[in-house]
């Protein structure tokens, strides 16, 4: 049973403490500083995936336009 738990906990460990968390925390930190939302900086470090996910959802139309524009330039 402990082998199963260890296999399941490894991806969760990397999501919480690994590269993904660091990228999301960095992106959230840059966004908060750029937008001068200094009170939100602790959120970027405590819950980076929630903070980044919220702002990605909030700006989804701009992101879709950017992806379309970029992909058309690559073609």
N, C-alpha and C. Protein backbone atom coordinates (compact mmCIF):
# COMPACT_ATOMS: atom_id res chain seq x y z
N UNK A 1 0.82 -1.20 0.00
CA UNK A 1 0.00 0.00 0.00
C UNK A 1 0.86 1.27 0.00
N UNK A 2 1.97 1.25 0.75
CA UNK A 2 2.81 2.45 0.82
C UNK A 2 3.48 2.75 -0.52
N UNK A 3 3.73 1.71 -1.34
CA UNK A 3 4.32 1.94 -2.66
C UNK A 3 3.35 2.70 -3.56
N UNK A 4 2.06 2.38 -3.45
CA UNK A 4 1.04 3.08 -4.24
C UNK A 4 0.95 4.54 -3.81
N UNK A 5 0.95 4.76 -2.52
CA UNK A 5 0.87 6.13 -2.00
C UNK A 5 2.09 6.93 -2.42
N UNK A 6 3.27 6.30 -2.39
CA UNK A 6 4.49 6.99 -2.80
C UNK A 6 4.44 7.35 -4.28
N UNK A 7 3.94 6.43 -5.13
CA UNK A 7 3.83 6.72 -6.57
C UNK A 7 2.85 7.85 -6.82
N UNK A 8 1.77 7.92 -6.06
CA UNK A 8 0.78 8.97 -6.24
C UNK A 8 1.27 10.31 -5.68
N UNK A 9 2.07 10.27 -4.63
CA UNK A 9 2.49 11.52 -3.99
C UNK A 9 3.64 12.20 -4.73
N UNK A 10 4.40 11.48 -5.54
CA UNK A 10 5.54 12.08 -6.24
C UNK A 10 5.10 13.20 -7.18
N UNK A 11 4.11 13.00 -8.08
CA UNK A 11 3.69 14.12 -8.93
C UNK A 11 3.12 15.29 -8.13
N UNK A 12 2.43 14.99 -7.05
CA UNK A 12 1.87 16.05 -6.21
C UNK A 12 2.99 16.84 -5.56
N UNK A 13 4.04 16.15 -5.13
CA UNK A 13 5.19 16.82 -4.53
C UNK A 13 5.81 17.81 -5.52
N UNK A 14 5.99 17.38 -6.77
CA UNK A 14 6.59 18.27 -7.76
C UNK A 14 5.65 19.42 -8.13
N UNK A 15 4.35 19.20 -8.08
CA UNK A 15 3.39 20.26 -8.38
C UNK A 15 3.42 21.31 -7.28
N UNK A 16 3.58 20.89 -6.04
CA UNK A 16 3.56 21.82 -4.91
C UNK A 16 4.91 22.50 -4.73
N UNK A 17 6.01 21.76 -4.89
CA UNK A 17 7.33 22.30 -4.58
C UNK A 17 8.28 22.34 -5.77
N UNK A 18 7.83 21.93 -6.93
CA UNK A 18 8.74 21.77 -8.05
C UNK A 18 8.76 22.91 -9.03
N UNK A 19 9.16 22.58 -10.23
CA UNK A 19 9.35 23.55 -11.29
C UNK A 19 8.06 24.27 -11.65
N UNK A 20 6.97 23.53 -11.73
CA UNK A 20 5.68 24.14 -12.10
C UNK A 20 5.30 25.24 -11.12
N UNK A 21 5.45 24.95 -9.84
CA UNK A 21 5.11 25.95 -8.82
C UNK A 21 6.01 27.18 -8.97
N UNK A 22 7.28 26.95 -9.22
CA UNK A 22 8.21 28.08 -9.34
C UNK A 22 7.89 28.95 -10.55
N UNK A 23 7.52 28.33 -11.66
CA UNK A 23 7.15 29.09 -12.86
C UNK A 23 5.90 29.92 -12.60
N UNK A 24 4.88 29.29 -12.00
CA UNK A 24 3.64 30.00 -11.71
C UNK A 24 3.86 31.11 -10.69
N UNK A 25 4.68 30.85 -9.69
CA UNK A 25 4.96 31.87 -8.69
C UNK A 25 5.70 33.05 -9.31
N UNK A 26 6.66 32.75 -10.18
CA UNK A 26 7.39 33.82 -10.86
C UNK A 26 6.50 34.63 -11.77
N UNK A 27 5.64 33.94 -12.53
CA UNK A 27 4.73 34.66 -13.42
C UNK A 27 3.75 35.52 -12.62
N UNK A 28 3.21 34.97 -11.54
CA UNK A 28 2.30 35.74 -10.71
C UNK A 28 2.97 36.93 -10.04
N UNK A 29 4.20 36.72 -9.61
CA UNK A 29 4.95 37.81 -8.98
C UNK A 29 5.22 38.93 -9.98
N UNK A 30 5.63 38.57 -11.18
CA UNK A 30 5.87 39.58 -12.22
C UNK A 30 4.59 40.33 -12.57
N UNK A 31 3.47 39.59 -12.67
CA UNK A 31 2.19 40.22 -13.00
C UNK A 31 1.78 41.20 -11.89
N UNK A 32 1.89 40.77 -10.65
CA UNK A 32 1.48 41.63 -9.53
C UNK A 32 2.33 42.89 -9.48
N UNK A 33 3.61 42.77 -9.71
CA UNK A 33 4.49 43.95 -9.68
C UNK A 33 4.20 44.85 -10.87
N UNK A 34 4.03 44.26 -12.06
CA UNK A 34 3.76 45.06 -13.26
C UNK A 34 2.46 45.83 -13.14
N UNK A 35 1.45 45.20 -12.54
CA UNK A 35 0.15 45.85 -12.38
C UNK A 35 0.06 46.69 -11.10
N UNK A 36 1.17 46.78 -10.38
CA UNK A 36 1.26 47.53 -9.12
C UNK A 36 0.23 47.05 -8.09
N UNK A 37 0.04 45.74 -8.02
CA UNK A 37 -0.86 45.13 -7.04
C UNK A 37 0.00 44.50 -5.95
N UNK A 38 0.65 45.35 -5.19
CA UNK A 38 1.63 44.90 -4.21
C UNK A 38 1.02 44.10 -3.07
N UNK A 39 -0.25 44.34 -2.76
CA UNK A 39 -0.90 43.58 -1.70
C UNK A 39 -1.16 42.13 -2.10
N UNK A 40 -1.10 41.83 -3.41
CA UNK A 40 -1.34 40.47 -3.89
C UNK A 40 -0.07 39.63 -3.96
N UNK A 41 1.07 40.22 -3.68
CA UNK A 41 2.33 39.48 -3.76
C UNK A 41 2.34 38.26 -2.83
N UNK A 42 1.85 38.33 -1.59
CA UNK A 42 1.84 37.11 -0.78
C UNK A 42 1.01 35.98 -1.41
N UNK A 43 -0.07 36.33 -2.10
CA UNK A 43 -0.87 35.29 -2.77
C UNK A 43 -0.08 34.58 -3.86
N UNK A 44 0.77 35.33 -4.55
CA UNK A 44 1.55 34.73 -5.63
C UNK A 44 2.54 33.71 -5.08
N UNK A 45 2.97 33.89 -3.86
CA UNK A 45 3.94 32.98 -3.26
C UNK A 45 3.29 31.84 -2.49
N UNK A 46 2.12 32.09 -1.90
CA UNK A 46 1.43 31.06 -1.11
C UNK A 46 0.63 30.13 -2.01
N UNK A 47 -0.13 30.71 -2.95
CA UNK A 47 -0.98 29.90 -3.84
C UNK A 47 -0.75 30.30 -5.30
N UNK A 48 0.42 29.99 -5.84
CA UNK A 48 0.72 30.46 -7.20
C UNK A 48 -0.19 29.88 -8.27
N UNK A 49 -0.60 28.63 -8.15
CA UNK A 49 -1.44 28.05 -9.20
C UNK A 49 -2.83 28.68 -9.21
N UNK A 50 -3.37 28.97 -8.05
CA UNK A 50 -4.69 29.61 -7.98
C UNK A 50 -4.61 31.04 -8.51
N UNK A 51 -3.58 31.76 -8.12
CA UNK A 51 -3.41 33.15 -8.56
C UNK A 51 -3.24 33.22 -10.07
N UNK A 52 -2.34 32.39 -10.60
CA UNK A 52 -2.09 32.38 -12.05
C UNK A 52 -3.32 31.90 -12.80
N UNK A 53 -3.98 30.87 -12.30
CA UNK A 53 -5.18 30.35 -12.96
C UNK A 53 -6.30 31.37 -13.02
N UNK A 54 -6.48 32.11 -11.93
CA UNK A 54 -7.51 33.15 -11.91
C UNK A 54 -7.24 34.22 -12.96
N UNK A 55 -6.01 34.68 -13.03
CA UNK A 55 -5.69 35.74 -13.98
C UNK A 55 -5.66 35.23 -15.42
N UNK A 56 -5.30 33.97 -15.62
CA UNK A 56 -5.40 33.40 -16.97
C UNK A 56 -6.86 33.34 -17.41
N UNK A 57 -7.74 32.94 -16.51
CA UNK A 57 -9.16 32.88 -16.83
C UNK A 57 -9.71 34.28 -17.08
N UNK A 58 -9.31 35.22 -16.25
CA UNK A 58 -9.80 36.59 -16.36
C UNK A 58 -9.38 37.23 -17.69
N UNK A 59 -8.20 36.90 -18.18
CA UNK A 59 -7.66 37.48 -19.41
C UNK A 59 -7.68 36.51 -20.58
N UNK A 60 -8.58 35.53 -20.54
CA UNK A 60 -8.58 34.46 -21.55
C UNK A 60 -8.76 34.96 -22.97
N UNK A 61 -9.56 35.98 -23.17
CA UNK A 61 -9.77 36.50 -24.53
C UNK A 61 -8.49 37.08 -25.12
N UNK A 62 -7.76 37.83 -24.31
CA UNK A 62 -6.49 38.39 -24.78
C UNK A 62 -5.47 37.29 -25.05
N UNK A 63 -5.48 36.25 -24.23
CA UNK A 63 -4.54 35.13 -24.41
C UNK A 63 -4.87 34.37 -25.67
N UNK A 64 -6.16 34.13 -25.93
CA UNK A 64 -6.57 33.43 -27.15
C UNK A 64 -6.15 34.23 -28.38
N UNK A 65 -6.37 35.53 -28.36
CA UNK A 65 -5.96 36.38 -29.48
C UNK A 65 -4.45 36.33 -29.69
N UNK A 66 -3.69 36.36 -28.61
CA UNK A 66 -2.23 36.30 -28.70
C UNK A 66 -1.77 34.97 -29.29
N UNK A 67 -2.38 33.87 -28.85
CA UNK A 67 -2.01 32.55 -29.37
C UNK A 67 -2.34 32.45 -30.85
N UNK A 68 -3.51 32.95 -31.25
CA UNK A 68 -3.88 32.93 -32.67
C UNK A 68 -2.92 33.75 -33.50
N UNK A 69 -2.59 34.94 -33.01
CA UNK A 69 -1.68 35.82 -33.74
C UNK A 69 -0.29 35.18 -33.85
N UNK A 70 0.19 34.61 -32.78
CA UNK A 70 1.51 33.99 -32.78
C UNK A 70 1.55 32.77 -33.68
N UNK A 71 0.49 31.94 -33.62
CA UNK A 71 0.48 30.72 -34.44
C UNK A 71 0.37 31.05 -35.92
N UNK A 72 -0.34 32.13 -36.26
CA UNK A 72 -0.45 32.51 -37.67
C UNK A 72 0.89 33.05 -38.19
N UNK A 73 1.68 33.67 -37.33
CA UNK A 73 2.99 34.16 -37.73
C UNK A 73 3.97 33.02 -37.91
N UNK A 74 3.80 31.93 -37.16
CA UNK A 74 4.69 30.79 -37.27
C UNK A 74 4.41 29.95 -38.51
N UNK A 75 3.18 30.02 -39.01
CA UNK A 75 2.80 29.20 -40.17
C UNK A 75 3.35 29.75 -41.47
